[in-house]
């Protein structure tokens, strides 16, 4: 299994997305954060169905950084219960994976 993951994070605004993305890249917890605007989320919250517009962040990093990344996002996030979930990267362009290694060699957090 490769040691790389993609972390999904939803946020309420582009401003929040940029704040989190900048912090994760600056602290070397993430090699790259894609910000996808215009995501519509439908979910149950406190017994009521909600439907809101959000931005989705796709964070490329290493598996062993997830705990520190999650803690950092929870500090910065405006939601009471933010979505911070990861999926394993099973295969990838080796040049790109090498770039992730160079981009997150150590955490400055």
PDB file of N, CA and C in Angstrom:
ATOM      1  N   UNK A   1       0.837  -1.189   0.000  1.00  0.00           N
ATOM      2  CA  UNK A   1       0.000   0.000   0.000  1.00  0.00           C
ATOM      3  C   UNK A   1       0.882   1.253   0.000  1.00  0.00           C
ATOM      4  N   UNK A   2       0.523   2.213  -0.813  1.00  0.00           N
ATOM      5  CA  UNK A   2       1.280   3.459  -0.870  1.00  0.00           C
ATOM      6  C   UNK A   2       0.959   4.317   0.351  1.00  0.00           C
ATOM      7  N   UNK A   3       1.910   5.145   0.792  1.00  0.00           N
ATOM      8  CA  UNK A   3       1.701   5.960   1.996  1.00  0.00           C
ATOM      9  C   UNK A   3       1.030   7.309   1.733  1.00  0.00           C
ATOM     10  N   UNK A   4       0.306   7.408   0.626  1.00  0.00           N
ATOM     11  CA  UNK A   4      -0.293   8.697   0.248  1.00  0.00           C
ATOM     12  C   UNK A   4      -1.803   8.638   0.383  1.00  0.00           C
ATOM     13  N   UNK A   5      -2.389   9.789   0.718  1.00  0.00           N
ATOM     14  CA  UNK A   5      -3.838   9.880   0.862  1.00  0.00           C
ATOM     15  C   UNK A   5      -4.352  11.160   0.218  1.00  0.00           C
ATOM     16  N   UNK A   6      -5.656  11.158  -0.056  1.00  0.00           N
ATOM     17  CA  UNK A   6      -6.379  12.370  -0.422  1.00  0.00           C
ATOM     18  C   UNK A   6      -7.378  12.612   0.692  1.00  0.00           C
ATOM     19  N   UNK A   7      -7.397  13.817   1.210  1.00  0.00           N
ATOM     20  CA  UNK A   7      -8.300  14.182   2.293  1.00  0.00           C
ATOM     21  C   UNK A   7      -9.382  15.098   1.730  1.00  0.00           C
ATOM     22  N   UNK A   8     -10.622  14.764   2.022  1.00  0.00           N
ATOM     23  CA  UNK A   8     -11.776  15.556   1.609  1.00  0.00           C
ATOM     24  C   UNK A   8     -12.201  16.434   2.779  1.00  0.00           C
ATOM     25  N   UNK A   9     -12.356  17.719   2.502  1.00  0.00           N
ATOM     26  CA  UNK A   9     -12.805  18.676   3.516  1.00  0.00           C
ATOM     27  C   UNK A   9     -13.813  19.607   2.849  1.00  0.00           C
ATOM     28  N   UNK A  10     -14.980  19.773   3.442  1.00  0.00           N
ATOM     29  CA  UNK A  10     -15.937  20.759   2.932  1.00  0.00           C
ATOM     30  C   UNK A  10     -15.922  21.976   3.850  1.00  0.00           C
ATOM     31  N   UNK A  11     -16.097  23.148   3.237  1.00  0.00           N
ATOM     32  CA  UNK A  11     -16.121  24.412   3.976  1.00  0.00           C
ATOM     33  C   UNK A  11     -17.241  25.291   3.429  1.00  0.00           C
ATOM     34  N   UNK A  12     -17.609  26.285   4.206  1.00  0.00           N
ATOM     35  CA  UNK A  12     -18.764  27.113   3.860  1.00  0.00           C
ATOM     36  C   UNK A  12     -18.479  28.209   2.847  1.00  0.00           C
ATOM     37  N   UNK A  13     -17.197  28.564   2.642  1.00  0.00           N
ATOM     38  CA  UNK A  13     -16.907  29.691   1.749  1.00  0.00           C
ATOM     39  C   UNK A  13     -15.531  29.540   1.104  1.00  0.00           C
ATOM     40  N   UNK A  14     -15.337  30.279   0.025  1.00  0.00           N
ATOM     41  CA  UNK A  14     -14.032  30.293  -0.635  1.00  0.00           C
ATOM     42  C   UNK A  14     -12.977  30.886   0.289  1.00  0.00           C
ATOM     43  N   UNK A  15     -13.353  31.871   1.080  1.00  0.00           N
ATOM     44  CA  UNK A  15     -12.425  32.475   2.032  1.00  0.00           C
ATOM     45  C   UNK A  15     -11.931  31.435   3.040  1.00  0.00           C
ATOM     46  N   UNK A  16     -12.841  30.621   3.586  1.00  0.00           N
ATOM     47  CA  UNK A  16     -12.440  29.558   4.509  1.00  0.00           C
ATOM     48  C   UNK A  16     -11.567  28.526   3.802  1.00  0.00           C
ATOM     49  N   UNK A  17     -11.900  28.206   2.554  1.00  0.00           N
ATOM     50  CA  UNK A  17     -11.117  27.245   1.782  1.00  0.00           C
ATOM     51  C   UNK A  17      -9.683  27.739   1.614  1.00  0.00           C
ATOM     52  N   UNK A  18      -9.513  29.001   1.256  1.00  0.00           N
ATOM     53  CA  UNK A  18      -8.181  29.562   1.065  1.00  0.00           C
ATOM     54  C   UNK A  18      -7.398  29.594   2.371  1.00  0.00           C
ATOM     55  N   UNK A  19      -8.065  29.942   3.457  1.00  0.00           N
ATOM     56  CA  UNK A  19      -7.396  29.999   4.759  1.00  0.00           C
ATOM     57  C   UNK A  19      -6.840  28.624   5.129  1.00  0.00           C
ATOM     58  N   UNK A  20      -7.654  27.589   4.979  1.00  0.00           N
ATOM     59  CA  UNK A  20      -7.227  26.240   5.324  1.00  0.00           C
ATOM     60  C   UNK A  20      -6.162  25.746   4.345  1.00  0.00           C
ATOM     61  N   UNK A  21      -6.374  25.962   3.055  1.00  0.00           N
ATOM     62  CA  UNK A  21      -5.401  25.522   2.050  1.00  0.00           C
ATOM     63  C   UNK A  21      -4.039  26.166   2.285  1.00  0.00           C
ATOM     64  N   UNK A  22      -4.021  27.471   2.484  1.00  0.00           N
ATOM     65  CA  UNK A  22      -2.760  28.175   2.720  1.00  0.00           C
ATOM     66  C   UNK A  22      -2.039  27.623   3.940  1.00  0.00           C
ATOM     67  N   UNK A  23      -2.772  27.418   5.003  1.00  0.00           N
ATOM     68  CA  UNK A  23      -2.156  26.930   6.244  1.00  0.00           C
ATOM     69  C   UNK A  23      -1.596  25.513   6.071  1.00  0.00           C
ATOM     70  N   UNK A  24      -2.324  24.644   5.403  1.00  0.00           N
ATOM     71  CA  UNK A  24      -1.858  23.271   5.220  1.00  0.00           C
ATOM     72  C   UNK A  24      -0.608  23.209   4.345  1.00  0.00           C
ATOM     73  N   UNK A  25      -0.573  24.008   3.281  1.00  0.00           N
ATOM     74  CA  UNK A  25       0.600  24.018   2.402  1.00  0.00           C
ATOM     75  C   UNK A  25       1.769  24.718   3.091  1.00  0.00           C
ATOM     76  N   UNK A  26       1.512  25.860   3.742  1.00  0.00           N
ATOM     77  CA  UNK A  26       2.592  26.590   4.410  1.00  0.00           C
ATOM     78  C   UNK A  26       3.244  25.763   5.519  1.00  0.00           C
ATOM     79  N   UNK A  27       2.450  24.967   6.222  1.00  0.00           N
ATOM     80  CA  UNK A  27       2.991  24.158   7.323  1.00  0.00           C
ATOM     81  C   UNK A  27       3.526  22.814   6.847  1.00  0.00           C
ATOM     82  N   UNK A  28       3.498  22.586   5.542  1.00  0.00           N
ATOM     83  CA  UNK A  28       3.993  21.358   4.911  1.00  0.00           C
ATOM     84  C   UNK A  28       3.221  20.117   5.350  1.00  0.00           C
ATOM     85  N   UNK A  29       1.954  20.309   5.688  1.00  0.00           N
ATOM     86  CA  UNK A  29       1.073  19.178   5.970  1.00  0.00           C
ATOM     87  C   UNK A  29       0.418  18.668   4.697  1.00  0.00           C
ATOM     88  N   UNK A  30       0.481  19.455   3.628  1.00  0.00           N
ATOM     89  CA  UNK A  30      -0.106  19.074   2.344  1.00  0.00           C
ATOM     90  C   UNK A  30       0.803  19.534   1.217  1.00  0.00           C
ATOM     91  N   UNK A  31       0.886  18.691   0.188  1.00  0.00           N
ATOM     92  CA  UNK A  31       1.637  19.074  -1.002  1.00  0.00           C
ATOM     93  C   UNK A  31       0.798  19.977  -1.884  1.00  0.00           C
ATOM     94  N   UNK A  32      -0.506  19.708  -1.940  1.00  0.00           N
ATOM     95  CA  UNK A  32      -1.401  20.436  -2.823  1.00  0.00           C
ATOM     96  C   UNK A  32      -2.813  20.381  -2.260  1.00  0.00           C
ATOM     97  N   UNK A  33      -3.541  21.473  -2.421  1.00  0.00           N
ATOM     98  CA  UNK A  33      -4.953  21.514  -2.056  1.00  0.00           C
ATOM     99  C   UNK A  33      -5.720  22.065  -3.246  1.00  0.00           C
ATOM    100  N   UNK A  34      -6.600  21.250  -3.800  1.00  0.00           N
ATOM    101  CA  UNK A  34      -7.508  21.722  -4.848  1.00  0.00           C
ATOM    102  C   UNK A  34      -8.760  22.254  -4.174  1.00  0.00           C
ATOM    103  N   UNK A  35      -9.231  23.404  -4.640  1.00  0.00           N
ATOM    104  CA  UNK A  35     -10.457  24.003  -4.113  1.00  0.00           C
ATOM    105  C   UNK A  35     -11.501  23.954  -5.212  1.00  0.00           C
ATOM    106  N   UNK A  36     -12.572  23.240  -4.932  1.00  0.00           N
ATOM    107  CA  UNK A  36     -13.655  23.069  -5.895  1.00  0.00           C
ATOM    108  C   UNK A  36     -14.875  23.830  -5.383  1.00  0.00           C
ATOM    109  N   UNK A  37     -15.200  24.971  -6.009  1.00  0.00           N
ATOM    110  CA  UNK A  37     -16.362  25.743  -5.562  1.00  0.00           C
ATOM    111  C   UNK A  37     -17.661  25.150  -6.110  1.00  0.00           C
ATOM    112  N   UNK A  38     -18.764  25.590  -5.539  1.00  0.00           N
ATOM    113  CA  UNK A  38     -20.070  25.244  -6.091  1.00  0.00           C
ATOM    114  C   UNK A  38     -20.536  23.833  -5.802  1.00  0.00           C
ATOM    115  N   UNK A  39     -20.077  23.252  -4.719  1.00  0.00           N
ATOM    116  CA  UNK A  39     -20.538  21.924  -4.320  1.00  0.00           C
ATOM    117  C   UNK A  39     -21.829  22.096  -3.520  1.00  0.00           C
ATOM    118  N   UNK A  40     -22.835  21.352  -3.877  1.00  0.00           N
ATOM    119  CA  UNK A  40     -24.111  21.392  -3.142  1.00  0.00           C
ATOM    120  C   UNK A  40     -24.169  20.171  -2.237  1.00  0.00           C
ATOM    121  N   UNK A  41     -24.320  20.391  -0.937  1.00  0.00           N
ATOM    122  CA  UNK A  41     -24.378  19.302   0.028  1.00  0.00           C
ATOM    123  C   UNK A  41     -25.786  19.200   0.607  1.00  0.00           C
ATOM    124  N   UNK A  42     -26.304  17.990   0.644  1.00  0.00           N
ATOM    125  CA  UNK A  42     -27.609  17.690   1.234  1.00  0.00           C
ATOM    126  C   UNK A  42     -27.358  16.668   2.332  1.00  0.00           C
ATOM    127  N   UNK A  43     -27.803  16.984   3.565  1.00  0.00           N
ATOM    128  CA  UNK A  43     -27.476  16.122   4.695  1.00  0.00           C
ATOM    129  C   UNK A  43     -28.468  16.346   5.838  1.00  0.00           C
ATOM    130  N   UNK A  44     -28.462  15.424   6.763  1.00  0.00           N
ATOM    131  CA  UNK A  44     -29.280  15.552   7.965  1.00  0.00           C
ATOM    132  C   UNK A  44     -28.412  16.147   9.069  1.00  0.00           C
ATOM    133  N   UNK A  45     -28.942  17.164   9.747  1.00  0.00           N
ATOM    134  CA  UNK A  45     -28.222  17.774  10.862  1.00  0.00           C
ATOM    135  C   UNK A  45     -29.234  18.126  11.940  1.00  0.00           C
ATOM    136  N   UNK A  46     -29.025  17.607  13.123  1.00  0.00           N
ATOM    137  CA  UNK A  46     -29.930  17.831  14.253  1.00  0.00           C
ATOM    138  C   UNK A  46     -31.373  17.488  13.899  1.00  0.00           C
ATOM    139  N   UNK A  47     -31.552  16.374  13.192  1.00  0.00           N
ATOM    140  CA  UNK A  47     -32.882  15.888  12.853  1.00  0.00           C
ATOM    141  C   UNK A  47     -33.579  16.620  11.727  1.00  0.00           C
ATOM    142  N   UNK A  48     -32.859  17.500  11.046  1.00  0.00           N
ATOM    143  CA  UNK A  48     -33.453  18.301   9.980  1.00  0.00           C
ATOM    144  C   UNK A  48     -32.616  18.169   8.712  1.00  0.00           C
ATOM    145  N   UNK A  49     -33.285  18.052   7.569  1.00  0.00           N
ATOM    146  CA  UNK A  49     -32.549  17.991   6.313  1.00  0.00           C
ATOM    147  C   UNK A  49     -32.066  19.386   5.939  1.00  0.00           C
ATOM    148  N   UNK A  50     -30.790  19.473   5.618  1.00  0.00           N
ATOM    149  CA  UNK A  50     -30.157  20.726   5.220  1.00  0.00           C
ATOM    150  C   UNK A  50     -29.679  20.599   3.777  1.00  0.00           C
ATOM    151  N   UNK A  51     -29.595  21.727   3.093  1.00  0.00           N
ATOM    152  CA  UNK A  51     -29.053  21.785   1.739  1.00  0.00           C
ATOM    153  C   UNK A  51     -28.308  23.112   1.614  1.00  0.00           C
ATOM    154  N   UNK A  52     -26.981  23.039   1.452  1.00  0.00           N
ATOM    155  CA  UNK A  52     -26.165  24.257   1.422  1.00  0.00           C
ATOM    156  C   UNK A  52     -25.112  24.180   0.324  1.00  0.00           C
ATOM    157  N   UNK A  53     -24.647  25.342  -0.105  1.00  0.00           N
ATOM    158  CA  UNK A  53     -23.528  25.439  -1.043  1.00  0.00           C
ATOM    159  C   UNK A  53     -22.235  25.472  -0.241  1.00  0.00           C
ATOM    160  N   UNK A  54     -21.258  24.721  -0.708  1.00  0.00           N
ATOM    161  CA  UNK A  54     -19.969  24.646  -0.036  1.00  0.00           C
ATOM    162  C   UNK A  54     -18.855  24.618  -1.078  1.00  0.00           C
ATOM    163  N   UNK A  55     -17.630  24.673  -0.596  1.00  0.00           N
ATOM    164  CA  UNK A  55     -16.445  24.388  -1.387  1.00  0.00           C
ATOM    165  C   UNK A  55     -15.881  23.071  -0.876  1.00  0.00           C
ATOM    166  N   UNK A  56     -15.329  22.299  -1.796  1.00  0.00           N
ATOM    167  CA  UNK A  56     -14.694  21.039  -1.435  1.00  0.00           C
ATOM    168  C   UNK A  56     -13.192  21.178  -1.612  1.00  0.00           C
ATOM    169  N   UNK A  57     -12.455  20.787  -0.608  1.00  0.00           N
ATOM    170  CA  UNK A  57     -11.000  20.765  -0.678  1.00  0.00           C
ATOM    171  C   UNK A  57     -10.549  19.329  -0.872  1.00  0.00           C
ATOM    172  N   UNK A  58      -9.656  19.123  -1.838  1.00  0.00           N
ATOM    173  CA  UNK A  58      -9.007  17.829  -2.054  1.00  0.00           C
ATOM    174  C   UNK A  58      -7.541  18.020  -1.698  1.00  0.00           C
ATOM    175  N   UNK A  59      -7.129  17.394  -0.625  1.00  0.00           N
ATOM    176  CA  UNK A  59      -5.797  17.603  -0.066  1.00  0.00           C
ATOM    177  C   UNK A  59      -4.931  16.379  -0.337  1.00  0.00           C
ATOM    178  N   UNK A  60      -3.784  16.588  -0.988  1.00  0.00           N
ATOM    179  CA  UNK A  60      -2.852  15.499  -1.237  1.00  0.00           C
ATOM    180  C   UNK A  60      -1.733  15.559  -0.211  1.00  0.00           C
ATOM    181  N   UNK A  61      -1.547  14.438   0.498  1.00  0.00           N
ATOM    182  CA  UNK A  61      -0.564  14.392   1.566  1.00  0.00           C
ATOM    183  C   UNK A  61      -0.143  12.955   1.827  1.00  0.00           C
ATOM    184  N   UNK A  62       0.575  12.757   2.924  1.00  0.00           N
ATOM    185  CA  UNK A  62       1.010  11.424   3.332  1.00  0.00           C
ATOM    186  C   UNK A  62       0.135  10.928   4.485  1.00  0.00           C
ATOM    187  N   UNK A  63      -0.059   9.641   4.499  1.00  0.00           N
ATOM    188  CA  UNK A  63      -0.929   9.019   5.494  1.00  0.00           C
ATOM    189  C   UNK A  63      -0.511   9.343   6.927  1.00  0.00           C
ATOM    190  N   UNK A  64       0.776   9.351   7.200  1.00  0.00           N
ATOM    191  CA  UNK A  64       1.224   9.587   8.576  1.00  0.00           C
ATOM    192  C   UNK A  64       1.044  11.042   9.020  1.00  0.00           C
ATOM    193  N   UNK A  65       0.599  11.921   8.135  1.00  0.00           N
ATOM    194  CA  UNK A  65       0.337  13.315   8.496  1.00  0.00           C
ATOM    195  C   UNK A  65      -1.135  13.560   8.819  1.00  0.00           C
ATOM    196  N   UNK A  66      -1.974  12.547   8.620  1.00  0.00           N
ATOM    197  CA  UNK A  66      -3.412  12.773   8.746  1.00  0.00           C
ATOM    198  C   UNK A  66      -3.808  13.319  10.116  1.00  0.00           C
ATOM    199  N   UNK A  67      -3.303  12.767  11.173  1.00  0.00           N
ATOM    200  CA  UNK A  67      -3.704  13.205  12.516  1.00  0.00           C
ATOM    201  C   UNK A  67      -3.381  14.680  12.741  1.00  0.00           C
ATOM    202  N   UNK A  68      -2.171  15.098  12.368  1.00  0.00           N
ATOM    203  CA  UNK A  68      -1.783  16.507  12.535  1.00  0.00           C
ATOM    204  C   UNK A  68      -2.598  17.411  11.604  1.00  0.00           C
ATOM    205  N   UNK A  69      -2.841  16.942  10.385  1.00  0.00           N
ATOM    206  CA  UNK A  69      -3.651  17.700   9.433  1.00  0.00           C
ATOM    207  C   UNK A  69      -5.066  17.883   9.982  1.00  0.00           C
ATOM    208  N   UNK A  70      -5.659  16.808  10.475  1.00  0.00           N
ATOM    209  CA  UNK A  70      -7.013  16.855  11.036  1.00  0.00           C
ATOM    210  C   UNK A  70      -7.081  17.852  12.199  1.00  0.00           C
ATOM    211  N   UNK A  71      -6.104  17.795  13.095  1.00  0.00           N
ATOM    212  CA  UNK A  71      -6.088  18.728  14.231  1.00  0.00           C
ATOM    213  C   UNK A  71      -5.985  20.170  13.774  1.00  0.00           C
ATOM    214  N   UNK A  72      -5.142  20.427  12.770  1.00  0.00           N
ATOM    215  CA  UNK A  72      -4.974  21.787  12.240  1.00  0.00           C
ATOM    216  C   UNK A  72      -6.267  22.283  11.612  1.00  0.00           C
ATOM    217  N   UNK A  73      -6.918  21.439  10.819  1.00  0.00           N
ATOM    218  CA  UNK A  73      -8.169  21.829  10.165  1.00  0.00           C
ATOM    219  C   UNK A  73      -9.240  22.117  11.217  1.00  0.00           C
ATOM    220  N   UNK A  74      -9.330  21.297  12.240  1.00  0.00           N
ATOM    221  CA  UNK A  74     -10.335  21.525  13.289  1.00  0.00           C
ATOM    222  C   UNK A  74     -10.114  22.859  14.000  1.00  0.00           C
ATOM    223  N   UNK A  75      -8.859  23.288  14.135  1.00  0.00           N
ATOM    224  CA  UNK A  75      -8.550  24.585  14.741  1.00  0.00           C
ATOM    225  C   UNK A  75      -9.043  25.737  13.866  1.00  0.00           C
ATOM    226  N   UNK A  76      -8.941  25.558  12.549  1.00  0.00           N
ATOM    227  CA  UNK A  76      -9.241  26.632  11.605  1.00  0.00           C
ATOM    228  C   UNK A  76     -10.685  26.637  11.108  1.00  0.00           C
ATOM    229  N   UNK A  77     -11.363  25.516  11.199  1.00  0.00           N
ATOM    230  CA  UNK A  77     -12.662  25.319  10.560  1.00  0.00           C
ATOM    231  C   UNK A  77     -13.786  26.001  11.333  1.00  0.00           C
ATOM    232  N   UNK A  78     -14.793  26.481  10.599  1.00  0.00           N
ATOM    233  CA  UNK A  78     -15.922  27.168  11.232  1.00  0.00           C
ATOM    234  C   UNK A  78     -17.049  26.222  11.642  1.00  0.00           C
ATOM    235  N   UNK A  79     -17.027  24.979  11.147  1.00  0.00           N
ATOM    236  CA  UNK A  79     -18.098  24.034  11.470  1.00  0.00           C
ATOM    237  C   UNK A  79     -17.872  23.358  12.820  1.00  0.00           C
ATOM    238  N   UNK A  80     -18.968  23.032  13.473  1.00  0.00           N
ATOM    239  CA  UNK A  80     -18.924  22.292  14.731  1.00  0.00           C
ATOM    240  C   UNK A  80     -18.364  20.879  14.504  1.00  0.00           C
ATOM    241  N   UNK A  81     -18.781  20.243  13.411  1.00  0.00           N
ATOM    242  CA  UNK A  81     -18.342  18.891  13.069  1.00  0.00           C
ATOM    243  C   UNK A  81     -17.901  18.874  11.603  1.00  0.00           C
ATOM    244  N   UNK A  82     -16.663  19.297  11.339  1.00  0.00           N
ATOM    245  CA  UNK A  82     -16.234  19.378   9.940  1.00  0.00           C
ATOM    246  C   UNK A  82     -15.987  18.003   9.325  1.00  0.00           C
ATOM    247  N   UNK A  83     -16.247  17.920   8.035  1.00  0.00           N
ATOM    248  CA  UNK A  83     -15.887  16.725   7.271  1.00  0.00           C
ATOM    249  C   UNK A  83     -14.390  16.758   7.025  1.00  0.00           C
ATOM    250  N   UNK A  84     -13.707  15.746   7.541  1.00  0.00           N
ATOM    251  CA  UNK A  84     -12.271  15.575   7.311  1.00  0.00           C
ATOM    252  C   UNK A  84     -12.075  14.072   7.164  1.00  0.00           C
ATOM    253  N   UNK A  85     -12.122  13.584   5.929  1.00  0.00           N
ATOM    254  CA  UNK A  85     -12.009  12.146   5.700  1.00  0.00           C
ATOM    255  C   UNK A  85     -10.937  11.886   4.658  1.00  0.00           C
ATOM    256  N   UNK A  86     -10.315  10.723   4.753  1.00  0.00           N
ATOM    257  CA  UNK A  86      -9.247  10.417   3.805  1.00  0.00           C
ATOM    258  C   UNK A  86      -9.529   9.123   3.066  1.00  0.00           C
ATOM    259  N   UNK A  87      -8.948   9.064   1.867  1.00  0.00           N
ATOM    260  CA  UNK A  87      -8.955   7.818   1.103  1.00  0.00           C
ATOM    261  C   UNK A  87      -7.520   7.528   0.698  1.00  0.00           C
ATOM    262  N   UNK A  88      -7.211   6.273   0.647  1.00  0.00           N
ATOM    263  CA  UNK A  88      -5.873   5.815   0.281  1.00  0.00           C
ATOM    264  C   UNK A  88      -5.667   5.946  -1.225  1.00  0.00           C
ATOM    265  N   UNK A  89      -4.497   6.395  -1.621  1.00  0.00           N
ATOM    266  CA  UNK A  89      -4.108   6.387  -3.027  1.00  0.00           C
ATOM    267  C   UNK A  89      -3.461   5.031  -3.289  1.00  0.00           C
ATOM    268  N   UNK A  90      -4.068   4.237  -4.133  1.00  0.00           N
ATOM    269  CA  UNK A  90      -3.545   2.885  -4.381  1.00  0.00           C
ATOM    270  C   UNK A  90      -2.527   2.858  -5.520  1.00  0.00           C
ATOM    271  N   UNK A  91      -2.651   3.783  -6.449  1.00  0.00           N
ATOM    272  CA  UNK A  91      -1.702   3.879  -7.556  1.00  0.00           C
ATOM    273  C   UNK A  91      -1.599   5.336  -7.972  1.00  0.00           C
ATOM    274  N   UNK A  92      -0.499   5.676  -8.648  1.00  0.00           N
ATOM    275  CA  UNK A  92      -0.357   7.049  -9.115  1.00  0.00           C
ATOM    276  C   UNK A  92       0.878   7.227  -9.967  1.00  0.00           C
ATOM    277  N   UNK A  93       0.937   8.358 -10.621  1.00  0.00           N
ATOM    278  CA  UNK A  93       2.108   8.743 -11.399  1.00  0.00           C
ATOM    279  C   UNK A  93       3.283   8.895 -10.435  1.00  0.00           C
ATOM    280  N   UNK A  94       4.313   8.079 -10.607  1.00  0.00           N
ATOM    281  CA  UNK A  94       5.425   8.078  -9.666  1.00  0.00           C
ATOM    282  C   UNK A  94       6.094   9.447  -9.567  1.00  0.00           C
ATOM    283  N   UNK A  95       6.178  10.185 -10.666  1.00  0.00           N
ATOM    284  CA  UNK A  95       6.752  11.539 -10.613  1.00  0.00           C
ATOM    285  C   UNK A  95       5.936  12.434  -9.675  1.00  0.00           C
ATOM    286  N   UNK A  96       4.617  12.312  -9.728  1.00  0.00           N
ATOM    287  CA  UNK A  96       3.750  13.112  -8.857  1.00  0.00           C
ATOM    288  C   UNK A  96       3.911  12.673  -7.405  1.00  0.00           C
ATOM    289  N   UNK A  97       3.966  11.379  -7.170  1.00  0.00           N
ATOM    290  CA  UNK A  97       4.144  10.876  -5.805  1.00  0.00           C
ATOM    291  C   UNK A  97       5.494  11.312  -5.237  1.00  0.00           C
ATOM    292  N   UNK A  98       6.519  11.316  -6.065  1.00  0.00           N
ATOM    293  CA  UNK A  98       7.826  11.809  -5.631  1.00  0.00           C
ATOM    294  C   UNK A  98       7.746  13.291  -5.262  1.00  0.00           C
ATOM    295  N   UNK A  99       6.957  14.049  -6.037  1.00  0.00           N
ATOM    296  CA  UNK A  99       6.774  15.468  -5.745  1.00  0.00           C
ATOM    297  C   UNK A  99       6.083  15.663  -4.390  1.00  0.00           C
ATOM    298  N   UNK A 100       5.097  14.808  -4.078  1.00  0.00           N
ATOM    299  CA  UNK A 100       4.462  14.873  -2.752  1.00  0.00           C
ATOM    300  C   UNK A 100       5.532  14.647  -1.674  1.00  0.00           C
ATOM    301  N   UNK A 101       6.382  13.666  -1.856  1.00  0.00           N
ATOM    302  CA  UNK A 101       7.448  13.400  -0.896  1.00  0.00           C
ATOM    303  C   UNK A 101       8.334  14.630  -0.674  1.00  0.00           C
ATOM    304  N   UNK A 102       8.685  15.317  -1.755  1.00  0.00           N
ATOM    305  CA  UNK A 102       9.534  16.511  -1.640  1.00  0.00           C
ATOM    306  C   UNK A 102       8.781  17.684  -1.005  1.00  0.00           C
ATOM    307  N   UNK A 103       7.480  17.752  -1.237  1.00  0.00           N
ATOM    308  CA  UNK A 103       6.690  18.892  -0.773  1.00  0.00           C
ATOM    309  C   UNK A 103       6.304  18.801   0.702  1.00  0.00           C
ATOM    310  N   UNK A 104       6.199  17.590   1.223  1.00  0.00           N
ATOM    311  CA  UNK A 104       5.837  17.415   2.636  1.00  0.00           C
ATOM    312  C   UNK A 104       6.877  16.549   3.339  1.00  0.00           C
ATOM    313  N   UNK A 105       8.136  16.983   3.301  1.00  0.00           N
ATOM    314  CA  UNK A 105       9.196  16.168   3.905  1.00  0.00           C
ATOM    315  C   UNK A 105       9.184  16.213   5.421  1.00  0.00           C
ATOM    316  N   UNK A 106       8.627  17.261   5.969  1.00  0.00           N
ATOM    317  CA  UNK A 106       8.546  17.419   7.411  1.00  0.00           C
ATOM    318  C   UNK A 106       7.521  18.454   7.748  1.00  0.00           C
ATOM    319  N   UNK A 107       6.955  18.350   8.901  1.00  0.00           N
ATOM    320  CA  UNK A 107       5.870  19.245   9.297  1.00  0.00           C
ATOM    321  C   UNK A 107       6.408  20.439  10.064  1.00  0.00           C
ATOM    322  N   UNK A 108       6.051  21.635   9.649  1.00  0.00           N
ATOM    323  CA  UNK A 108       6.429  22.863  10.362  1.00  0.00           C
ATOM    324  C   UNK A 108       5.281  23.313  11.271  1.00  0.00           C
ATOM    325  N   UNK A 109       4.670  22.371  11.963  1.00  0.00           N
ATOM    326  CA  UNK A 109       3.509  22.743  12.779  1.00  0.00           C
ATOM    327  C   UNK A 109       3.835  22.685  14.250  1.00  0.00           C
TER     328      UNK A 109
END
